[in-house]
Amino acid sequence: MTGASGAGAASGERAQTAVVGVAILLGLTVVAIGGLTATTGSIVEDGAASAAATRVASDLETALGPSPGPRATTVALAAGSVRVVNRSVWVLDADGVVWAGHAGAIVYDDDGHRVTGFAGAVVRSDDRGDRVVAPSRIAPANGTLYLGVPVLNASGADGVATGGHRLSVTLRTDARTERIDLPRSTYRVAVETATPAAWERHLRERGATATTRRDIDGDGVTAVVAAFPSQRTAHLVVRDVRLAVEVGQ
């Protein structure tokens, strides 16, 4: 009798253990599915934000490109914000600043993705880091330093946030071009930027032999100063871009 009773108790314990095991397994499965759903949701959201940043980068490259005459570029936004910020560009020789321009920058932000159009280049920033995705028009060639710099004169809204609503932001540009020839000298180019590492890499790719960082005008924004080798003339093309930021549904 005792043996039978013990066998029954053992059987009951095994049954209870099996039920508990199934319950734990089901619980872990629910947790796993919940985690997978959350991860999938974040991947989808990040993918959408990345795709939007790619579109905005292309739109800014188009809007700030060198083509003459009036142009309207519409940037469709489902999220994030667009703003215009103060940024400067300088050309320096051995004696100091020979030209300075308040170039301005257009900045798009959305959920950890940022795109900045400035000084003719487009810089993209996300969890992969900061990188130039559309190059500036700064390059030495044949004993001359060629510098193409769009200078933004913005009107309309300084910044636009979607607030969860779809918006279209129209960037209307009508550029006037001024050509400045600078005499033979050793030149440096300085660009104010919140992404100095990306600009350092880019300017070295464009022929700079050394870069340093300075806050040239004391406004708290770092400038990357790029030195170009040898004495050379400089050909500066300044595009005065009249930028109107208009918002529509």
Protein backbone atom coordinates (compact mmCIF):
# COMPACT_ATOMS: atom_id res chain seq x y z
CA MET A 1 0.00 0.00 0.00
CA THR A 2 2.76 2.31 0.91
CA GLY A 3 4.47 1.58 -2.43
CA ALA A 4 1.28 2.29 -4.38
CA SER A 5 0.67 5.47 -2.47
CA GLY A 6 4.27 6.56 -3.08
CA ALA A 7 3.94 5.78 -6.76
CA GLY A 8 0.74 7.84 -6.95
CA ALA A 9 2.38 10.77 -5.19
CA ALA A 10 5.36 10.60 -7.51
CA SER A 11 3.07 10.47 -10.50
CA GLY A 12 1.15 13.48 -9.22
CA GLU A 13 4.40 15.42 -8.68
CA ARG A 14 5.51 14.58 -12.21
CA ALA A 15 2.19 15.78 -13.56
CA GLN A 16 2.43 19.02 -11.58
CA THR A 17 6.02 19.47 -12.74
CA ALA A 18 4.92 18.92 -16.33
CA VAL A 19 2.13 21.52 -15.94
CA VAL A 20 4.54 24.00 -14.39
CA GLY A 21 7.06 23.29 -17.15
CA VAL A 22 4.43 23.91 -19.83
CA ALA A 23 3.34 27.10 -18.08
CA ILE A 24 6.93 28.36 -17.93
CA LEU A 25 7.47 27.40 -21.57
CA LEU A 26 4.29 29.21 -22.60
CA GLY A 27 5.34 32.22 -20.54
CA LEU A 28 8.76 32.30 -22.16
CA THR A 29 7.14 31.94 -25.59
CA VAL A 30 4.84 34.91 -24.89
CA VAL A 31 7.78 36.97 -23.66
CA ALA A 32 9.81 35.99 -26.72
CA ILE A 33 6.96 36.87 -29.08
CA GLY A 34 6.45 40.16 -27.27
CA GLY A 35 10.16 40.94 -27.55
CA LEU A 36 10.17 39.97 -31.20
CA THR A 37 7.16 42.20 -31.87
CA ALA A 38 8.81 45.13 -30.10
CA THR A 39 12.07 44.55 -31.97
CA THR A 40 10.27 44.20 -35.30
CA GLY A 41 8.36 47.41 -34.60
CA SER A 42 11.55 49.32 -33.84
CA ILE A 43 13.23 47.89 -36.96
CA VAL A 44 10.27 48.97 -39.10
CA GLU A 45 10.26 52.45 -37.55
CA ASP A 46 14.01 52.80 -37.98
CA GLY A 47 13.73 51.58 -41.56
CA ALA A 48 11.06 54.19 -42.29
CA ALA A 49 13.16 56.93 -40.68
CA SER A 50 16.21 55.81 -42.67
CA ALA A 51 14.26 55.80 -45.93
CA ALA A 52 12.92 59.28 -45.17
CA ALA A 53 16.44 60.54 -44.43
CA THR A 54 17.61 59.14 -47.79
CA ARG A 55 14.84 61.03 -49.60
CA VAL A 56 15.58 64.27 -47.73
CA ALA A 57 19.32 63.97 -48.49
CA SER A 58 18.51 63.65 -52.20
CA ASP A 59 16.10 66.61 -52.03
CA LEU A 60 18.66 68.84 -50.28
CA GLU A 61 21.31 67.90 -52.84
CA THR A 62 18.88 68.95 -55.58
CA ALA A 63 17.76 72.16 -53.85
CA LEU A 64 21.29 73.35 -53.12
CA GLY A 65 22.85 72.16 -56.38
CA PRO A 66 24.72 74.46 -58.78
CA SER A 67 22.05 74.77 -61.49
CA PRO A 68 21.25 78.43 -62.30
CA GLY A 69 17.87 80.11 -62.21
CA PRO A 70 14.83 79.63 -59.99
CA ARG A 71 13.99 76.21 -58.64
CA ALA A 72 11.38 74.75 -56.28
CA THR A 73 12.14 71.52 -54.42
CA THR A 74 9.40 69.96 -52.31
CA VAL A 75 10.43 67.85 -49.32
CA ALA A 76 7.64 65.54 -48.12
CA LEU A 77 7.79 64.86 -44.38
CA ALA A 78 5.87 62.25 -42.40
CA ALA A 79 7.80 62.97 -39.20
CA GLY A 80 10.69 65.00 -37.85
CA SER A 81 11.61 68.64 -38.34
CA VAL A 82 13.46 70.95 -40.71
CA ARG A 83 15.27 74.08 -39.56
CA VAL A 84 17.75 76.66 -40.82
CA VAL A 85 20.80 77.28 -38.60
CA ASN A 86 23.69 79.77 -38.71
CA ARG A 87 26.93 78.37 -40.11
CA SER A 88 29.92 80.15 -41.67
CA VAL A 89 32.65 79.44 -44.21
CA TRP A 90 36.03 81.18 -44.35
CA VAL A 91 38.92 81.31 -46.80
CA LEU A 92 42.26 82.09 -45.16
CA ASP A 93 45.79 82.73 -46.38
CA ALA A 94 49.03 83.12 -44.43
CA ASP A 95 47.92 86.54 -43.14
CA GLY A 96 44.38 85.63 -42.04
CA VAL A 97 40.82 85.71 -43.40
CA VAL A 98 40.50 86.83 -47.03
CA TRP A 99 36.81 85.93 -47.43
CA ALA A 100 33.99 85.03 -45.04
CA GLY A 101 30.39 84.05 -45.67
CA HIS A 102 27.46 83.30 -43.38
CA ALA A 103 26.54 80.29 -45.45
CA GLY A 104 23.75 78.85 -43.29
CA ALA A 105 22.68 75.22 -43.14
CA ILE A 106 19.42 73.31 -43.55
CA VAL A 107 19.03 70.57 -40.93
CA TYR A 108 16.52 67.70 -40.97
CA ASP A 109 16.02 65.64 -37.78
CA ASP A 110 13.90 62.54 -37.19
CA ASP A 111 14.31 59.85 -34.54
CA GLY A 112 18.11 59.75 -34.48
CA HIS A 113 18.48 60.44 -38.20
CA ARG A 114 19.88 63.83 -39.23
CA VAL A 115 20.62 65.29 -42.64
CA THR A 116 22.46 68.60 -43.03
CA GLY A 117 22.86 70.60 -46.23
CA PHE A 118 25.74 73.07 -45.88
CA ALA A 119 28.56 74.61 -47.92
CA GLY A 120 27.51 72.62 -50.97
CA ALA A 121 27.71 69.25 -49.22
CA VAL A 122 25.09 66.99 -47.61
CA VAL A 123 26.04 65.21 -44.37
CA ARG A 124 24.03 62.32 -43.00
CA SER A 125 24.12 61.27 -39.32
CA ASP A 126 22.63 58.15 -37.71
CA ASP A 127 23.74 55.12 -35.70
CA ARG A 128 26.32 54.43 -38.42
CA GLY A 129 28.02 57.75 -37.65
CA ASP A 130 28.44 60.99 -39.61
CA ARG A 131 29.32 60.88 -43.30
CA VAL A 132 29.22 63.11 -46.37
CA VAL A 133 26.73 61.66 -48.86
CA ALA A 134 26.90 64.48 -51.42
CA PRO A 135 30.31 66.15 -51.83
CA SER A 136 31.10 69.84 -51.60
CA ARG A 137 32.49 71.78 -54.54
CA ILE A 138 35.88 72.33 -52.91
CA ALA A 139 38.84 70.89 -54.82
CA PRO A 140 42.37 71.78 -55.92
CA ALA A 141 43.34 71.18 -59.54
CA ASN A 142 46.02 72.44 -61.96
CA GLY A 143 47.54 74.93 -59.51
CA THR A 144 44.17 76.43 -58.56
CA LEU A 145 41.91 75.91 -55.56
CA TYR A 146 38.29 75.82 -56.75
CA LEU A 147 35.67 76.74 -54.16
CA GLY A 148 31.94 76.63 -54.84
CA VAL A 149 30.00 77.89 -51.83
CA PRO A 150 26.21 78.37 -51.67
CA VAL A 151 25.29 81.11 -49.20
CA LEU A 152 21.72 80.86 -47.91
CA ASN A 153 19.56 83.92 -47.50
CA ALA A 154 16.52 82.32 -45.89
CA SER A 155 13.06 83.79 -45.55
CA GLY A 156 9.85 82.32 -44.22
CA ALA A 157 9.90 79.88 -41.32
CA ASP A 158 13.19 79.28 -39.48
CA GLY A 159 12.01 75.83 -38.47
CA VAL A 160 9.15 73.45 -39.16
CA ALA A 161 8.09 70.42 -37.09
CA THR A 162 5.53 67.92 -38.36
CA GLY A 163 3.95 67.26 -34.97
CA GLY A 164 2.92 63.81 -36.21
CA HIS A 165 1.21 65.19 -39.32
CA ARG A 166 2.34 64.84 -42.91
CA LEU A 167 3.74 68.09 -44.28
CA SER A 168 5.43 69.23 -47.44
CA VAL A 169 8.19 71.80 -47.17
CA THR A 170 8.99 73.68 -50.37
CA LEU A 171 12.50 75.06 -50.74
CA ARG A 172 12.40 77.77 -53.39
CA THR A 173 15.84 78.87 -54.55
CA ASP A 174 16.87 81.60 -56.95
CA ALA A 175 20.63 81.84 -56.97
CA ARG A 176 22.85 84.69 -58.07
CA THR A 177 26.50 83.91 -58.68
CA GLU A 178 29.55 86.02 -57.81
CA ARG A 179 32.99 84.97 -59.02
CA ILE A 180 36.04 86.03 -57.01
CA ASP A 181 39.62 85.38 -58.12
CA LEU A 182 42.20 85.36 -55.34
CA PRO A 183 45.95 85.77 -55.98
CA ARG A 184 48.56 83.09 -55.61
CA SER A 185 49.04 82.09 -51.96
CA THR A 186 48.83 79.18 -49.55
CA TYR A 187 45.15 78.77 -48.71
CA ARG A 188 43.08 77.19 -45.99
CA VAL A 189 39.32 76.66 -45.96
CA ALA A 190 37.31 76.62 -42.71
CA VAL A 191 33.76 75.32 -42.32
CA GLU A 192 31.65 75.54 -39.17
CA THR A 193 29.99 72.22 -38.44
CA ALA A 194 28.41 70.01 -35.79
CA THR A 195 29.98 66.99 -37.55
CA PRO A 196 33.70 67.83 -37.70
CA ALA A 197 34.96 64.26 -38.21
CA ALA A 198 32.87 63.85 -41.37
CA TRP A 199 34.16 67.15 -42.77
CA GLU A 200 37.76 66.29 -41.89
CA ARG A 201 37.52 63.04 -43.84
CA HIS A 202 35.79 64.79 -46.73
CA LEU A 203 38.29 67.66 -47.01
CA ARG A 204 41.21 65.25 -46.94
CA GLU A 205 39.52 63.34 -49.77
CA ARG A 206 39.27 66.66 -51.62
CA GLY A 207 43.02 67.22 -51.38
CA ALA A 208 43.65 68.87 -48.00
CA THR A 209 46.95 67.85 -46.44
CA ALA A 210 46.08 68.75 -42.83
CA THR A 211 43.03 69.69 -40.77
CA THR A 212 42.65 71.38 -37.40
CA ARG A 213 39.64 72.45 -35.31
CA ARG A 214 39.00 76.01 -34.11
CA ASP A 215 36.15 78.17 -32.92
CA ILE A 216 37.04 80.99 -35.27
CA ASP A 217 34.34 83.52 -34.38
CA GLY A 218 33.84 82.55 -30.72
CA ASP A 219 30.21 81.47 -31.13
CA GLY A 220 30.77 78.02 -29.63
CA VAL A 221 30.58 76.14 -32.95
CA THR A 222 33.71 74.27 -34.05
CA ALA A 223 35.16 74.95 -37.48
CA VAL A 224 37.25 72.45 -39.39
CA VAL A 225 40.21 74.28 -40.94
CA ALA A 226 41.71 72.48 -43.93
CA ALA A 227 45.11 73.38 -45.36
CA PHE A 228 45.82 72.81 -49.06
CA PRO A 229 49.37 72.21 -50.25
CA SER A 230 51.63 74.60 -52.17
CA GLN A 231 51.01 78.12 -53.33
CA ARG A 232 48.15 78.39 -55.79
CA THR A 233 45.52 80.79 -57.03
CA ALA A 234 41.96 80.43 -55.73
CA HIS A 235 38.80 80.65 -57.79
CA LEU A 236 35.81 81.27 -55.53
CA VAL A 237 32.24 80.96 -56.83
CA VAL A 238 29.70 82.26 -54.30
CA ARG A 239 26.09 81.34 -55.01
CA ASP A 240 23.73 83.69 -53.19
CA VAL A 241 20.78 81.35 -52.66
CA ARG A 242 17.50 83.08 -51.81
CA LEU A 243 15.83 80.31 -49.85
CA ALA A 244 12.12 80.53 -49.00
CA VAL A 245 10.79 77.85 -46.66
CA GLU A 246 7.08 77.32 -47.30
CA VAL A 247 4.86 74.80 -45.54
CA GLY A 248 1.85 73.00 -46.98
CA GLN A 249 -0.28 70.03 -46.00
